[in-house]
Protein backbone atom coordinates (compact mmCIF):
# COMPACT_ATOMS: atom_id res chain seq x y z
CA MET A 1 0.01 -0.01 0.05
CA THR A 2 1.33 3.39 -0.85
CA ILE A 3 0.12 6.66 0.40
CA THR A 4 1.48 9.95 -1.55
CA LYS A 5 1.13 13.48 -0.10
CA GLY A 6 0.12 16.34 -2.10
CA SER A 7 -2.87 18.42 -2.66
CA ARG A 8 -4.66 15.23 -3.13
CA ARG A 9 -4.47 12.15 -1.17
CA SER A 10 -4.82 8.73 -2.63
CA LEU A 11 -4.93 5.38 -1.31
CA THR A 12 -3.41 2.62 -3.61
CA PHE A 13 -3.59 -1.10 -2.88
CA LEU A 14 -1.11 -3.29 -4.53
CA PHE A 15 -1.80 -7.12 -4.69
CA ALA A 16 0.57 -9.71 -5.68
CA ALA A 17 -0.61 -12.17 -8.19
CA GLY A 18 -2.94 -14.81 -6.38
CA ALA A 19 -3.38 -12.71 -3.26
CA VAL A 20 -6.81 -12.54 -1.77
CA MET A 21 -8.03 -9.65 0.06
CA SER A 22 -9.74 -10.40 3.28
CA VAL A 23 -12.09 -7.71 4.82
CA ALA A 24 -13.24 -8.25 8.55
CA LEU A 25 -16.87 -7.36 9.02
CA PRO A 26 -18.08 -6.00 12.30
CA ALA A 27 -19.31 -8.62 14.75
CA SER A 28 -23.03 -8.84 15.18
CA ALA A 29 -25.39 -10.32 17.74
CA ALA A 30 -28.96 -11.41 17.28
CA ASP A 31 -31.02 -8.83 19.26
CA VAL A 32 -34.43 -10.09 20.63
CA VAL A 33 -37.48 -8.18 21.97
CA THR A 34 -39.90 -10.36 24.07
CA GLN A 35 -43.59 -9.57 24.96
CA ALA A 36 -45.56 -11.68 27.25
CA VAL A 37 -49.28 -11.68 27.34
CA THR A 38 -50.65 -13.00 30.62
CA SER A 39 -53.82 -14.95 31.05
CA GLY A 40 -56.80 -13.30 32.51
CA ALA A 41 -60.02 -14.70 33.88
CA ARG A 42 -63.54 -15.52 32.86
CA SER A 43 -66.28 -14.05 34.79
CA ALA A 44 -70.08 -14.12 34.75
CA SER A 45 -72.74 -12.23 36.86
CA VAL A 46 -76.20 -11.03 36.93
CA ALA A 47 -77.17 -7.54 37.88
CA ASN A 48 -79.17 -7.24 41.14
CA LEU A 49 -82.93 -7.22 40.32
CA ALA A 50 -85.75 -5.97 42.27
CA LEU A 51 -89.15 -7.12 40.93
CA ALA A 52 -92.04 -4.91 41.20
CA SER A 53 -94.08 -5.16 44.47
CA VAL A 54 -97.39 -6.99 44.41
CA PRO A 55 -100.24 -6.69 46.92
CA TYR A 56 -101.17 -9.38 49.32
CA SER A 57 -103.58 -11.83 47.62
CA HIS A 58 -105.83 -14.84 48.33
CA SER A 59 -105.00 -16.03 44.75
CA SER A 60 -101.64 -16.95 43.38
CA GLN A 61 -100.04 -14.25 41.16
CA THR A 62 -96.97 -13.92 38.82
CA SER A 63 -94.27 -11.23 39.01
CA THR A 64 -92.19 -10.73 35.88
CA GLY A 65 -88.96 -8.89 35.14
CA THR A 66 -85.66 -8.92 33.07
CA MET A 67 -82.32 -9.75 34.49
CA THR A 68 -79.11 -8.58 32.88
CA LEU A 69 -76.36 -11.24 32.49
CA THR A 70 -72.80 -9.97 31.87
CA ALA A 71 -70.24 -12.53 30.63
CA ASP A 72 -66.60 -11.87 29.96
CA ASP A 73 -63.73 -14.07 28.67
CA SER A 74 -60.42 -12.31 29.28
CA SER A 75 -58.61 -15.72 29.88
CA GLY A 76 -56.91 -15.61 26.44
CA THR A 77 -57.05 -19.34 26.06
CA ASN A 78 -59.49 -19.66 22.99
CA LEU A 79 -61.40 -22.55 24.66
CA GLY A 80 -64.87 -21.32 24.53
CA TRP A 81 -67.14 -21.28 27.51
CA ASN A 82 -70.64 -21.80 28.96
CA VAL A 83 -72.53 -19.85 31.51
CA THR A 84 -75.28 -21.34 33.90
CA ILE A 85 -77.56 -19.78 36.31
CA LEU A 86 -79.10 -21.33 39.56
CA SER A 87 -81.39 -19.96 42.12
CA SER A 88 -81.93 -20.61 45.75
CA SER A 89 -85.23 -20.43 47.25
CA PHE A 90 -86.68 -17.03 48.14
CA ALA A 91 -86.06 -16.50 51.82
CA TYR A 92 -88.57 -14.61 53.97
CA SER A 93 -87.79 -11.61 56.06
CA GLY A 94 -90.61 -9.79 57.75
CA GLY A 95 -91.18 -11.43 61.15
CA ASN A 96 -94.78 -12.40 60.59
CA GLY A 97 -94.39 -16.17 60.25
CA GLY A 98 -93.97 -16.17 56.47
CA SER A 99 -92.29 -19.14 54.82
CA ALA A 100 -89.76 -19.30 51.66
CA ILE A 101 -90.98 -19.32 48.03
CA PRO A 102 -89.32 -22.41 46.64
CA ALA A 103 -86.75 -22.07 43.79
CA THR A 104 -89.10 -24.19 41.63
CA ASN A 105 -91.41 -21.11 41.47
CA PHE A 106 -88.68 -18.95 39.85
CA ALA A 107 -88.01 -19.47 36.17
CA LEU A 108 -86.38 -17.97 33.10
CA THR A 109 -88.98 -17.14 30.59
CA SER A 110 -86.86 -16.05 27.67
CA ALA A 111 -83.10 -15.61 26.69
CA ALA A 112 -82.15 -12.87 24.28
CA THR A 113 -79.32 -13.08 21.73
CA PRO A 114 -76.06 -11.95 23.47
CA VAL A 115 -74.95 -8.35 22.59
CA LYS A 116 -71.13 -7.53 22.36
CA SER A 117 -69.77 -4.80 24.84
CA ALA A 118 -66.21 -5.32 23.89
CA GLY A 119 -63.94 -7.54 22.00
CA GLN A 120 -64.94 -10.26 19.40
CA ASN A 121 -67.98 -9.85 17.46
CA VAL A 122 -70.90 -12.23 18.08
CA ASP A 123 -71.05 -15.09 15.57
CA PRO A 124 -74.32 -16.60 15.07
CA VAL A 125 -72.95 -20.14 14.47
CA ASN A 126 -70.05 -20.20 17.22
CA GLY A 127 -71.25 -17.52 19.40
CA PRO A 128 -71.64 -16.34 22.00
CA LYS A 129 -75.10 -17.49 21.58
CA VAL A 130 -78.09 -19.07 23.27
CA PRO A 131 -77.67 -22.70 23.53
CA VAL A 132 -79.79 -25.09 21.41
CA VAL A 133 -81.11 -26.82 24.40
CA SER A 134 -83.47 -23.96 25.56
CA PRO A 135 -82.60 -22.24 28.87
CA VAL A 136 -86.21 -21.60 29.55
CA GLY A 137 -87.52 -23.23 32.86
CA THR A 138 -87.28 -23.28 36.51
CA LEU A 139 -83.98 -22.11 38.26
CA ASP A 140 -84.03 -24.90 40.92
CA ALA A 141 -81.48 -26.62 38.53
CA ALA A 142 -78.63 -24.80 36.81
CA ARG A 143 -79.54 -23.69 33.31
CA LYS A 144 -77.02 -22.89 30.68
CA THR A 145 -78.08 -19.54 29.11
CA ILE A 146 -75.29 -18.61 26.90
CA GLN A 147 -72.40 -20.47 25.39
CA ALA A 148 -69.29 -19.74 23.03
CA ALA A 149 -67.40 -22.32 21.00
CA ALA A 150 -63.53 -22.63 20.87
CA LEU A 151 -61.90 -19.46 19.22
CA SER A 152 -65.23 -17.56 19.95
CA GLY A 153 -66.50 -15.31 22.65
CA ARG A 154 -63.24 -13.47 23.43
CA GLY A 155 -64.61 -10.36 24.73
CA THR A 156 -67.53 -9.02 27.03
CA TYR A 157 -71.08 -9.66 26.29
CA THR A 158 -74.51 -9.09 27.84
CA GLN A 159 -77.78 -10.88 27.63
CA ALA A 160 -81.23 -9.97 28.67
CA LEU A 161 -83.20 -12.83 30.63
CA GLY A 162 -86.90 -12.75 31.22
CA VAL A 163 -87.88 -14.12 34.58
CA SER A 164 -91.00 -14.99 36.31
CA LEU A 165 -91.79 -15.58 40.01
CA ASP A 166 -95.00 -17.43 40.92
CA ILE A 167 -96.01 -16.21 44.31
CA PRO A 168 -98.42 -18.62 46.07
CA ALA A 169 -101.86 -17.59 47.41
CA THR A 170 -101.73 -15.90 50.90
CA THR A 171 -98.07 -15.49 50.86
CA VAL A 172 -97.30 -13.39 53.97
CA ALA A 173 -96.37 -9.80 53.57
CA GLY A 174 -92.85 -9.05 53.78
CA THR A 175 -89.46 -9.22 51.57
CA TYR A 176 -88.27 -12.34 49.84
CA THR A 177 -84.74 -12.78 48.61
CA ALA A 178 -83.01 -15.37 46.55
CA THR A 179 -79.36 -15.74 45.78
CA LEU A 180 -78.30 -16.70 42.31
CA VAL A 181 -75.31 -18.64 41.42
CA THR A 182 -73.89 -17.64 38.00
CA SER A 183 -71.04 -19.76 36.84
CA ILE A 184 -68.82 -19.61 33.64
CA THR A 185 -66.68 -22.67 32.75
CA ALA A 186 -64.28 -23.42 29.94
CA ALA A 187 -65.48 -25.29 26.79
CA PRO A 188 -69.03 -25.45 25.29
């Protein structure tokens, strides 16, 4: 290699016959960026509902209303899910010798198509949807009201559920309260 001085600088490389020039490249490393997505949970609940008051009667009567179910799948598992609802008897409070109204008197009368609040759209085939076996009936046994197939139902959904309570004749005046058990489980 020869370097000459002057108003111009030049760099000359001289190679002998058959010589090979080797250029060293800078060392490199594989750089990695990692992002973890943690699993969340599934949840389901029914908003508290106060049925309209009814007067004391010598005849049986029916009280009706609409409950709102909220189901959320933030598990990130893609397994799908089912929601069931079960009611206890309606316990009496009032101090006048009243007795409970049995859970067999409380029933689902309708189950609306679920509505998306957030997340994946509702798919009529895979859900979330009302199950093929109708959820309509008494709530003394758990009833499946909404379900989503695998890869579906990844979001938050609401469902309107019509209910009725058959109040026996001569039911003592007071307040009657039931507890609902709302469960969400993986896989339809």
